[in-house]
Amino acid sequence: MKILILGAGGMLGHDMVTSFRQNEIISAYTPEWDITKKDILEKKIIQQSPDLIINCAAYTDVEGAEDNKDLAFKVNAEGTLNLAKICQKNKIVLLHLSTEYVFAGIKKEGYNEEDPTHALNIYGSSKEEGEKYLMANCEKFYLVRSSWLYGKASQKGKPRGKNFIEKIIELAQLKTQVKVVNDQFGKPTFTKDLAQAVKALIEEKPAYGIYHLINEGTASWYDFAGEIFKIKNIKTDLLPISSTDYNSKVIRPKFAVLNNNKRPLLRHWQEALKEYLT
């Protein structure tokens, strides 16, 4: 199988390339492969003639999206529409990565694959619209949602290119106290585990549709930070705060918890985090 991986230079894309290294892969990097430029993109795709496209390309700066709405929608919505139409026309399977931010975060029991979406912020809305474009314009698709991603490669598109773990460790080295939100819940997911789960999905070829692939176990950001401190033996004081005390322009879902009802469950987030840190 010939696989084109878009966004190969990003944190998730890096692990996708590693996971699929035994296949014939084309690593497509931004800006050479710009999903917002449909005609150029289609020519490049036809030239490579892949059997499968994995789309890891996205505008991922949640805070920045509030000030750059047009860009967020251009990449996450229009870019996904371009890919959906290209893949439909050329009979290519499309696997598209999305996010828990497409949900409102009011279901404490978590969100199932077919639950209706309702984003709360610009980033989530742009990804939500991209999902709708995908489902309306492409028959052979896998829509994979995941959450709270962290990985070894730099997180391109985010300020400083650091994931939550690296930022928390850095703050602990600079300050005597670190304050972390304790009323937002999700499932922290190691990009290595997500990439391997995507590989298994592709190899087993289940029915096209929506899948949730996340490390198991629910945590608040405060719980997540506390486990980081525990594993790294960090003695800096860790203080819980509410979302209202956190200085952010973004409304975030409180219970951004995805339920995996269709695929083998991934390992617990604490086990994955321990491997990442040690």
C-alpha atoms as a PDB file:
ATOM      1  CA  MET A   1       0.000   0.000   0.000  1.00  0.00           C
ATOM      2  CA  LYS A   2       1.263   3.442  -0.947  1.00  0.00           C
ATOM      3  CA  ILE A   3       0.516   6.015   1.762  1.00  0.00           C
ATOM      4  CA  LEU A   4       0.752   9.798   1.596  1.00  0.00           C
ATOM      5  CA  ILE A   5       1.133  11.401   5.046  1.00  0.00           C
ATOM      6  CA  LEU A   6       0.221  15.088   5.060  1.00  0.00           C
ATOM      7  CA  GLY A   7       1.662  17.200   7.880  1.00  0.00           C
ATOM      8  CA  ALA A   8       4.564  14.767   8.260  1.00  0.00           C
ATOM      9  CA  GLY A   9       6.708  17.406   9.946  1.00  0.00           C
ATOM     10  CA  GLY A  10       4.356  17.896  12.886  1.00  0.00           C
ATOM     11  CA  MET A  11       4.214  16.110  16.219  1.00  0.00           C
ATOM     12  CA  LEU A  12       1.614  13.539  15.166  1.00  0.00           C
ATOM     13  CA  GLY A  13       2.821  13.344  11.574  1.00  0.00           C
ATOM     14  CA  HIS A  14       6.302  12.422  12.785  1.00  0.00           C
ATOM     15  CA  ASP A  15       4.971   9.389  14.646  1.00  0.00           C
ATOM     16  CA  MET A  16       2.725   8.431  11.730  1.00  0.00           C
ATOM     17  CA  VAL A  17       5.770   8.307   9.466  1.00  0.00           C
ATOM     18  CA  THR A  18       7.569   6.136  12.030  1.00  0.00           C
ATOM     19  CA  SER A  19       4.578   3.836  12.492  1.00  0.00           C
ATOM     20  CA  PHE A  20       4.108   3.249   8.753  1.00  0.00           C
ATOM     21  CA  ARG A  21       7.811   3.050   7.890  1.00  0.00           C
ATOM     22  CA  GLN A  22       7.509  -0.530   6.579  1.00  0.00           C
ATOM     23  CA  ASN A  23       5.019   0.661   3.959  1.00  0.00           C
ATOM     24  CA  GLU A  24       5.738   2.698   0.868  1.00  0.00           C
ATOM     25  CA  ILE A  25       5.165   6.206   2.220  1.00  0.00           C
ATOM     26  CA  ILE A  26       5.375   9.744   0.907  1.00  0.00           C
ATOM     27  CA  SER A  27       6.162  12.204   3.703  1.00  0.00           C
ATOM     28  CA  ALA A  28       4.435  15.447   2.751  1.00  0.00           C
ATOM     29  CA  TYR A  29       5.614  18.570   4.541  1.00  0.00           C
ATOM     30  CA  THR A  30       4.063  22.014   4.845  1.00  0.00           C
ATOM     31  CA  PRO A  31       4.297  24.457   3.059  1.00  0.00           C
ATOM     32  CA  GLU A  32       5.291  22.378   0.004  1.00  0.00           C
ATOM     33  CA  TRP A  33       2.088  20.393   0.444  1.00  0.00           C
ATOM     34  CA  ASP A  34      -0.531  23.050   1.179  1.00  0.00           C
ATOM     35  CA  ILE A  35      -4.019  21.565   1.601  1.00  0.00           C
ATOM     36  CA  THR A  36      -5.611  24.999   1.048  1.00  0.00           C
ATOM     37  CA  LYS A  37      -4.410  25.137  -2.593  1.00  0.00           C
ATOM     38  CA  LYS A  38      -6.666  22.568  -4.240  1.00  0.00           C
ATOM     39  CA  ASP A  39      -5.403  22.592  -7.842  1.00  0.00           C
ATOM     40  CA  ILE A  40      -1.737  22.372  -6.906  1.00  0.00           C
ATOM     41  CA  LEU A  41      -2.503  19.785  -4.227  1.00  0.00           C
ATOM     42  CA  GLU A  42      -4.472  17.592  -6.640  1.00  0.00           C
ATOM     43  CA  LYS A  43      -1.673  17.626  -9.210  1.00  0.00           C
ATOM     44  CA  LYS A  44       0.836  16.546  -6.559  1.00  0.00           C
ATOM     45  CA  ILE A  45      -1.462  13.788  -5.296  1.00  0.00           C
ATOM     46  CA  ILE A  46      -2.179  12.443  -8.787  1.00  0.00           C
ATOM     47  CA  GLN A  47       1.542  12.453  -9.523  1.00  0.00           C
ATOM     48  CA  GLN A  48       2.232  10.311  -6.425  1.00  0.00           C
ATOM     49  CA  SER A  49      -0.884   8.119  -6.893  1.00  0.00           C
ATOM     50  CA  PRO A  50      -1.327   6.972  -3.260  1.00  0.00           C
ATOM     51  CA  ASP A  51      -3.828   4.327  -2.136  1.00  0.00           C
ATOM     52  CA  LEU A  52      -4.358   6.123   1.176  1.00  0.00           C
ATOM     53  CA  ILE A  53      -3.935   9.674   2.438  1.00  0.00           C
ATOM     54  CA  ILE A  54      -3.468  10.319   6.162  1.00  0.00           C
ATOM     55  CA  ASN A  55      -4.189  13.955   6.938  1.00  0.00           C
ATOM     56  CA  CYS A  56      -2.284  15.253   9.959  1.00  0.00           C
ATOM     57  CA  ALA A  57      -2.102  18.781   8.512  1.00  0.00           C
ATOM     58  CA  ALA A  58      -4.098  21.264  10.575  1.00  0.00           C
ATOM     59  CA  TYR A  59      -4.187  24.673  12.230  1.00  0.00           C
ATOM     60  CA  THR A  60      -3.777  23.594  15.863  1.00  0.00           C
ATOM     61  CA  ASP A  61      -3.218  26.800  17.857  1.00  0.00           C
ATOM     62  CA  VAL A  62      -6.414  26.913  19.938  1.00  0.00           C
ATOM     63  CA  GLU A  63      -5.661  30.348  21.405  1.00  0.00           C
ATOM     64  CA  GLY A  64      -4.426  31.751  18.110  1.00  0.00           C
ATOM     65  CA  ALA A  65      -7.555  30.620  16.284  1.00  0.00           C
ATOM     66  CA  GLU A  66      -9.623  33.162  18.206  1.00  0.00           C
ATOM     67  CA  ASP A  67      -7.660  35.948  16.503  1.00  0.00           C
ATOM     68  CA  ASN A  68      -7.127  34.116  13.199  1.00  0.00           C
ATOM     69  CA  LYS A  69     -10.577  32.716  12.428  1.00  0.00           C
ATOM     70  CA  ASP A  70     -10.211  32.946   8.649  1.00  0.00           C
ATOM     71  CA  LEU A  71      -6.928  31.051   8.653  1.00  0.00           C
ATOM     72  CA  ALA A  72      -8.248  28.360  11.014  1.00  0.00           C
ATOM     73  CA  PHE A  73     -11.276  27.735   8.785  1.00  0.00           C
ATOM     74  CA  LYS A  74      -9.197  27.920   5.614  1.00  0.00           C
ATOM     75  CA  VAL A  75      -6.916  25.121   6.813  1.00  0.00           C
ATOM     76  CA  ASN A  76      -9.181  22.977   8.983  1.00  0.00           C
ATOM     77  CA  ALA A  77     -12.435  23.295   7.021  1.00  0.00           C
ATOM     78  CA  GLU A  78     -11.638  24.284   3.422  1.00  0.00           C
ATOM     79  CA  GLY A  79      -8.442  22.233   3.404  1.00  0.00           C
ATOM     80  CA  THR A  80     -10.368  19.151   4.499  1.00  0.00           C
ATOM     81  CA  LEU A  81     -13.002  19.834   1.824  1.00  0.00           C
ATOM     82  CA  ASN A  82     -10.266  19.972  -0.812  1.00  0.00           C
ATOM     83  CA  LEU A  83      -8.906  16.622   0.299  1.00  0.00           C
ATOM     84  CA  ALA A  84     -12.355  15.040   0.463  1.00  0.00           C
ATOM     85  CA  LYS A  85     -13.161  16.077  -3.110  1.00  0.00           C
ATOM     86  CA  ILE A  86      -9.751  15.032  -4.437  1.00  0.00           C
ATOM     87  CA  CYS A  87      -9.955  11.619  -2.772  1.00  0.00           C
ATOM     88  CA  GLN A  88     -13.539  11.052  -3.934  1.00  0.00           C
ATOM     89  CA  LYS A  89     -12.664  11.963  -7.517  1.00  0.00           C
ATOM     90  CA  ASN A  90      -9.515   9.838  -7.610  1.00  0.00           C
ATOM     91  CA  LYS A  91     -10.827   6.892  -5.554  1.00  0.00           C
ATOM     92  CA  ILE A  92      -8.336   7.339  -2.722  1.00  0.00           C
ATOM     93  CA  VAL A  93      -9.079   6.374   0.893  1.00  0.00           C
ATOM     94  CA  LEU A  94      -8.797   9.364   3.250  1.00  0.00           C
ATOM     95  CA  LEU A  95      -8.003   9.105   6.961  1.00  0.00           C
ATOM     96  CA  HIS A  96      -8.529  12.457   8.630  1.00  0.00           C
ATOM     97  CA  LEU A  97      -7.508  13.376  12.194  1.00  0.00           C
ATOM     98  CA  SER A  98      -9.851  15.445  14.319  1.00  0.00           C
ATOM     99  CA  THR A  99     -10.322  16.483  17.923  1.00  0.00           C
ATOM    100  CA  GLU A 100     -12.444  16.297  21.053  1.00  0.00           C
ATOM    101  CA  TYR A 101     -12.976  20.056  20.678  1.00  0.00           C
ATOM    102  CA  VAL A 102     -15.817  19.399  18.222  1.00  0.00           C
ATOM    103  CA  PHE A 103     -17.952  18.573  21.297  1.00  0.00           C
ATOM    104  CA  ALA A 104     -19.475  20.941  23.857  1.00  0.00           C
ATOM    105  CA  GLY A 105     -18.058  18.978  26.800  1.00  0.00           C
ATOM    106  CA  ILE A 106     -21.225  18.713  28.871  1.00  0.00           C
ATOM    107  CA  LYS A 107     -21.571  14.907  28.949  1.00  0.00           C
ATOM    108  CA  LYS A 108     -19.749  13.652  32.033  1.00  0.00           C
ATOM    109  CA  GLU A 109     -19.997  10.082  30.718  1.00  0.00           C
ATOM    110  CA  GLY A 110     -18.075  11.105  27.601  1.00  0.00           C
ATOM    111  CA  TYR A 111     -18.854  11.276  23.891  1.00  0.00           C
ATOM    112  CA  ASN A 112     -19.491   8.330  21.593  1.00  0.00           C
ATOM    113  CA  GLU A 113     -18.458   8.231  17.959  1.00  0.00           C
ATOM    114  CA  GLU A 114     -21.880   9.100  16.532  1.00  0.00           C
ATOM    115  CA  ASP A 115     -22.880  11.753  19.095  1.00  0.00           C
ATOM    116  CA  PRO A 116     -23.842  15.129  17.575  1.00  0.00           C
ATOM    117  CA  THR A 117     -21.073  17.724  17.626  1.00  0.00           C
ATOM    118  CA  HIS A 118     -21.312  21.261  18.993  1.00  0.00           C
ATOM    119  CA  ALA A 119     -18.030  23.159  19.236  1.00  0.00           C
ATOM    120  CA  LEU A 120     -17.521  25.995  21.724  1.00  0.00           C
ATOM    121  CA  ASN A 121     -14.610  27.885  20.167  1.00  0.00           C
ATOM    122  CA  ILE A 122     -13.155  28.856  16.790  1.00  0.00           C
ATOM    123  CA  TYR A 123     -10.648  26.016  16.621  1.00  0.00           C
ATOM    124  CA  GLY A 124     -13.313  23.431  17.462  1.00  0.00           C
ATOM    125  CA  SER A 125     -15.774  24.988  15.009  1.00  0.00           C
ATOM    126  CA  SER A 126     -13.217  24.892  12.193  1.00  0.00           C
ATOM    127  CA  LYS A 127     -12.513  21.205  12.852  1.00  0.00           C
ATOM    128  CA  GLU A 128     -16.249  20.498  13.164  1.00  0.00           C
ATOM    129  CA  GLU A 129     -16.919  22.065   9.774  1.00  0.00           C
ATOM    130  CA  GLY A 130     -14.046  20.060   8.308  1.00  0.00           C
ATOM    131  CA  GLU A 131     -15.651  16.866   9.609  1.00  0.00           C
ATOM    132  CA  LYS A 132     -18.969  17.787   7.965  1.00  0.00           C
ATOM    133  CA  TYR A 133     -17.246  18.506   4.657  1.00  0.00           C
ATOM    134  CA  LEU A 134     -15.451  15.171   4.842  1.00  0.00           C
ATOM    135  CA  MET A 135     -18.589  13.131   5.483  1.00  0.00           C
ATOM    136  CA  ALA A 136     -20.583  14.950   2.796  1.00  0.00           C
ATOM    137  CA  ASN A 137     -17.987  14.730   0.035  1.00  0.00           C
ATOM    138  CA  CYS A 138     -16.016  11.502   0.469  1.00  0.00           C
ATOM    139  CA  GLU A 139     -17.329   7.941   0.627  1.00  0.00           C
ATOM    140  CA  LYS A 140     -14.147   6.108   1.579  1.00  0.00           C
ATOM    141  CA  PHE A 141     -13.093   7.894   4.758  1.00  0.00           C
ATOM    142  CA  TYR A 142     -11.914   7.208   8.292  1.00  0.00           C
ATOM    143  CA  LEU A 143     -12.536  10.098  10.666  1.00  0.00           C
ATOM    144  CA  VAL A 144     -10.317   9.570  13.712  1.00  0.00           C
ATOM    145  CA  ARG A 145     -10.779  11.791  16.751  1.00  0.00           C
ATOM    146  CA  SER A 146      -8.250  11.940  19.560  1.00  0.00           C
ATOM    147  CA  SER A 147      -7.452  14.260  22.458  1.00  0.00           C
ATOM    148  CA  TRP A 148      -4.796  15.993  24.563  1.00  0.00           C
ATOM    149  CA  LEU A 149      -1.959  14.873  22.302  1.00  0.00           C
ATOM    150  CA  TYR A 150       1.707  14.862  23.287  1.00  0.00           C
ATOM    151  CA  GLY A 151       4.712  13.374  21.540  1.00  0.00           C
ATOM    152  CA  LYS A 152       8.470  13.462  21.118  1.00  0.00           C
ATOM    153  CA  ALA A 153       8.533  15.690  18.026  1.00  0.00           C
ATOM    154  CA  SER A 154       8.028  19.439  18.323  1.00  0.00           C
ATOM    155  CA  GLN A 155       4.427  20.630  18.270  1.00  0.00           C
ATOM    156  CA  LYS A 156       4.496  22.832  15.179  1.00  0.00           C
ATOM    157  CA  GLY A 157       1.826  25.496  14.998  1.00  0.00           C
ATOM    158  CA  LYS A 158       1.849  26.043  18.755  1.00  0.00           C
ATOM    159  CA  PRO A 159       3.738  28.865  20.497  1.00  0.00           C
ATOM    160  CA  ARG A 160       7.264  27.681  21.346  1.00  0.00           C
ATOM    161  CA  GLY A 161       6.522  24.274  19.803  1.00  0.00           C
ATOM    162  CA  LYS A 162       6.177  22.596  23.208  1.00  0.00           C
ATOM    163  CA  ASN A 163       3.477  20.217  24.374  1.00  0.00           C
ATOM    164  CA  PHE A 164       1.762  20.450  27.769  1.00  0.00           C
ATOM    165  CA  ILE A 165       4.274  18.133  29.453  1.00  0.00           C
ATOM    166  CA  GLU A 166       7.324  20.090  28.361  1.00  0.00           C
ATOM    167  CA  LYS A 167       5.708  23.405  29.300  1.00  0.00           C
ATOM    168  CA  ILE A 168       4.773  22.125  32.764  1.00  0.00           C
ATOM    169  CA  ILE A 169       8.303  20.841  33.425  1.00  0.00           C
ATOM    170  CA  GLU A 170       9.753  24.147  32.237  1.00  0.00           C
ATOM    171  CA  LEU A 171       7.431  26.138  34.521  1.00  0.00           C
ATOM    172  CA  ALA A 172       8.370  23.922  37.469  1.00  0.00           C
ATOM    173  CA  GLN A 173      12.025  24.783  36.882  1.00  0.00           C
ATOM    174  CA  LEU A 174      11.333  28.516  36.727  1.00  0.00           C
ATOM    175  CA  LYS A 175       8.729  28.997  39.462  1.00  0.00           C
ATOM    176  CA  THR A 176       8.116  28.008  43.060  1.00  0.00           C
ATOM    177  CA  GLN A 177       4.423  27.370  42.324  1.00  0.00           C
ATOM    178  CA  VAL A 178       2.644  26.055  39.233  1.00  0.00           C
ATOM    179  CA  LYS A 179      -1.113  26.561  38.866  1.00  0.00           C
ATOM    180  CA  VAL A 180      -3.098  24.138  36.700  1.00  0.00           C
ATOM    181  CA  VAL A 181      -6.797  23.910  35.860  1.00  0.00           C
ATOM    182  CA  ASN A 182      -8.623  21.140  37.731  1.00  0.00           C
ATOM    183  CA  ASP A 183     -12.123  21.341  36.219  1.00  0.00           C
ATOM    184  CA  GLN A 184     -11.441  20.349  32.576  1.00  0.00           C
ATOM    185  CA  PHE A 185     -11.318  16.614  31.888  1.00  0.00           C
ATOM    186  CA  GLY A 186     -10.049  14.541  28.990  1.00  0.00           C
ATOM    187  CA  LYS A 187      -7.918  11.588  27.964  1.00  0.00           C
ATOM    188  CA  PRO A 188      -4.209  12.447  27.500  1.00  0.00           C
ATOM    189  CA  THR A 189      -2.925  10.557  24.455  1.00  0.00           C
ATOM    190  CA  PHE A 190       0.633   9.697  23.392  1.00  0.00           C
ATOM    191  CA  THR A 191       1.043  10.295  19.638  1.00  0.00           C
ATOM    192  CA  LYS A 192       3.084   7.099  19.391  1.00  0.00           C
ATOM    193  CA  ASP A 193       0.096   5.089  20.650  1.00  0.00           C
ATOM    194  CA  LEU A 194      -2.319   6.956  18.385  1.00  0.00           C
ATOM    195  CA  ALA A 195      -0.144   6.338  15.321  1.00  0.00           C
ATOM    196  CA  GLN A 196       0.098   2.626  16.112  1.00  0.00           C
ATOM    197  CA  ALA A 197      -3.679   2.443  16.602  1.00  0.00           C
ATOM    198  CA  VAL A 198      -4.200   4.161  13.243  1.00  0.00           C
ATOM    199  CA  LYS A 199      -1.872   1.644  11.615  1.00  0.00           C
ATOM    200  CA  ALA A 200      -3.873  -1.248  13.091  1.00  0.00           C
ATOM    201  CA  LEU A 201      -7.089   0.366  11.868  1.00  0.00           C
ATOM    202  CA  ILE A 202      -5.771   0.669   8.330  1.00  0.00           C
ATOM    203  CA  GLU A 203      -4.416  -2.882   8.280  1.00  0.00           C
ATOM    204  CA  GLU A 204      -7.672  -4.405   9.550  1.00  0.00           C
ATOM    205  CA  LYS A 205      -9.863  -2.326   7.201  1.00  0.00           C
ATOM    206  CA  PRO A 206     -13.066  -2.027   9.267  1.00  0.00           C
ATOM    207  CA  ALA A 207     -16.112  -0.183   7.923  1.00  0.00           C
ATOM    208  CA  TYR A 208     -15.545   3.409   6.897  1.00  0.00           C
ATOM    209  CA  GLY A 209     -16.743   5.980   9.413  1.00  0.00           C
ATOM    210  CA  ILE A 210     -15.886   7.661  12.720  1.00  0.00           C
ATOM    211  CA  TYR A 211     -13.465   6.216  15.284  1.00  0.00           C
ATOM    212  CA  HIS A 212     -12.202   7.475  18.649  1.00  0.00           C
ATOM    213  CA  LEU A 213      -8.604   6.493  19.404  1.00  0.00           C
ATOM    214  CA  ILE A 214      -7.292   7.686  22.770  1.00  0.00           C
ATOM    215  CA  ASN A 215      -5.317   6.399  25.707  1.00  0.00           C
ATOM    216  CA  GLU A 216      -7.747   5.164  28.358  1.00  0.00           C
ATOM    217  CA  GLY A 217      -8.416   6.785  31.725  1.00  0.00           C
ATOM    218  CA  THR A 218      -9.861  10.242  32.368  1.00  0.00           C
ATOM    219  CA  ALA A 219      -7.884  13.031  34.012  1.00  0.00           C
ATOM    220  CA  SER A 220      -8.044  16.748  34.656  1.00  0.00           C
ATOM    221  CA  TRP A 221      -5.123  18.903  33.542  1.00  0.00           C
ATOM    222  CA  TYR A 222      -4.229  19.097  37.253  1.00  0.00           C
ATOM    223  CA  ASP A 223      -4.234  15.269  37.504  1.00  0.00           C
ATOM    224  CA  PHE A 224      -2.071  15.084  34.400  1.00  0.00           C
ATOM    225  CA  ALA A 225       0.413  17.616  35.784  1.00  0.00           C
ATOM    226  CA  GLY A 226       0.467  15.823  39.131  1.00  0.00           C
ATOM    227  CA  GLU A 227       1.446  12.561  37.463  1.00  0.00           C
ATOM    228  CA  ILE A 228       4.212  14.358  35.551  1.00  0.00           C
ATOM    229  CA  PHE A 229       5.542  15.784  38.829  1.00  0.00           C
ATOM    230  CA  LYS A 230       5.357  12.338  40.451  1.00  0.00           C
ATOM    231  CA  ILE A 231       7.244  10.533  37.666  1.00  0.00           C
ATOM    232  CA  LYS A 232       9.895  13.265  37.393  1.00  0.00           C
ATOM    233  CA  ASN A 233      10.123  13.690  41.189  1.00  0.00           C
ATOM    234  CA  ILE A 234       9.460  17.427  40.907  1.00  0.00           C
ATOM    235  CA  LYS A 235       9.093  19.159  44.273  1.00  0.00           C
ATOM    236  CA  THR A 236       7.632  22.457  43.041  1.00  0.00           C
ATOM    237  CA  ASP A 237       4.219  23.235  44.547  1.00  0.00           C
ATOM    238  CA  LEU A 238       1.344  22.310  42.250  1.00  0.00           C
ATOM    239  CA  LEU A 239      -1.868  24.253  42.872  1.00  0.00           C
ATOM    240  CA  PRO A 240      -5.334  23.530  41.400  1.00  0.00           C
ATOM    241  CA  ILE A 241      -7.325  26.421  39.918  1.00  0.00           C
ATOM    242  CA  SER A 242     -10.685  26.682  38.177  1.00  0.00           C
ATOM    243  CA  SER A 243     -11.155  27.532  34.508  1.00  0.00           C
ATOM    244  CA  THR A 244     -12.500  30.942  35.495  1.00  0.00           C
ATOM    245  CA  ASP A 245      -9.167  31.742  37.177  1.00  0.00           C
ATOM    246  CA  TYR A 246      -7.165  30.757  34.093  1.00  0.00           C
ATOM    247  CA  ASN A 247      -6.431  33.719  31.863  1.00  0.00           C
ATOM    248  CA  SER A 248      -7.638  32.544  28.448  1.00  0.00           C
ATOM    249  CA  LYS A 249      -9.757  33.998  25.655  1.00  0.00           C
ATOM    250  CA  VAL A 250     -10.924  30.497  24.697  1.00  0.00           C
ATOM    251  CA  ILE A 251     -13.999  28.696  26.019  1.00  0.00           C
ATOM    252  CA  ARG A 252     -12.922  25.086  26.407  1.00  0.00           C
ATOM    253  CA  PRO A 253     -15.125  21.999  26.859  1.00  0.00           C
ATOM    254  CA  LYS A 254     -15.187  20.847  30.496  1.00  0.00           C
ATOM    255  CA  PHE A 255     -15.686  17.146  29.814  1.00  0.00           C
ATOM    256  CA  ALA A 256     -13.760  16.617  26.592  1.00  0.00           C
ATOM    257  CA  VAL A 257     -13.825  12.853  27.057  1.00  0.00           C
ATOM    258  CA  LEU A 258     -13.952  10.547  24.023  1.00  0.00           C
ATOM    259  CA  ASN A 259     -15.294   6.990  24.312  1.00  0.00           C
ATOM    260  CA  ASN A 260     -13.750   4.280  22.163  1.00  0.00           C
ATOM    261  CA  ASN A 261     -16.602   1.899  21.377  1.00  0.00           C
ATOM    262  CA  LYS A 262     -15.366   0.405  18.105  1.00  0.00           C
ATOM    263  CA  ARG A 263     -11.688  -0.499  18.397  1.00  0.00           C
ATOM    264  CA  PRO A 264      -9.395  -2.315  20.853  1.00  0.00           C
ATOM    265  CA  LEU A 265      -8.735  -0.025  23.802  1.00  0.00           C
ATOM    266  CA  LEU A 266      -5.360   1.673  24.059  1.00  0.00           C
ATOM    267  CA  ARG A 267      -3.293   1.454  27.253  1.00  0.00           C
ATOM    268  CA  HIS A 268      -3.965   3.725  30.234  1.00  0.00           C
ATOM    269  CA  TRP A 269      -2.648   7.265  29.940  1.00  0.00           C
ATOM    270  CA  GLN A 270      -0.507   6.872  33.075  1.00  0.00           C
ATOM    271  CA  GLU A 271       1.373   3.945  31.530  1.00  0.00           C
ATOM    272  CA  ALA A 272       1.897   5.843  28.286  1.00  0.00           C
ATOM    273  CA  LEU A 273       3.086   8.948  30.139  1.00  0.00           C
ATOM    274  CA  LYS A 274       5.593   6.926  32.142  1.00  0.00           C
ATOM    275  CA  GLU A 275       7.131   5.576  28.928  1.00  0.00           C
ATOM    276  CA  TYR A 276       7.243   9.043  27.434  1.00  0.00           C
ATOM    277  CA  LEU A 277       9.044  10.511  30.451  1.00  0.00           C
ATOM    278  CA  THR A 278      11.390   7.638  31.258  1.00  0.00           C
END
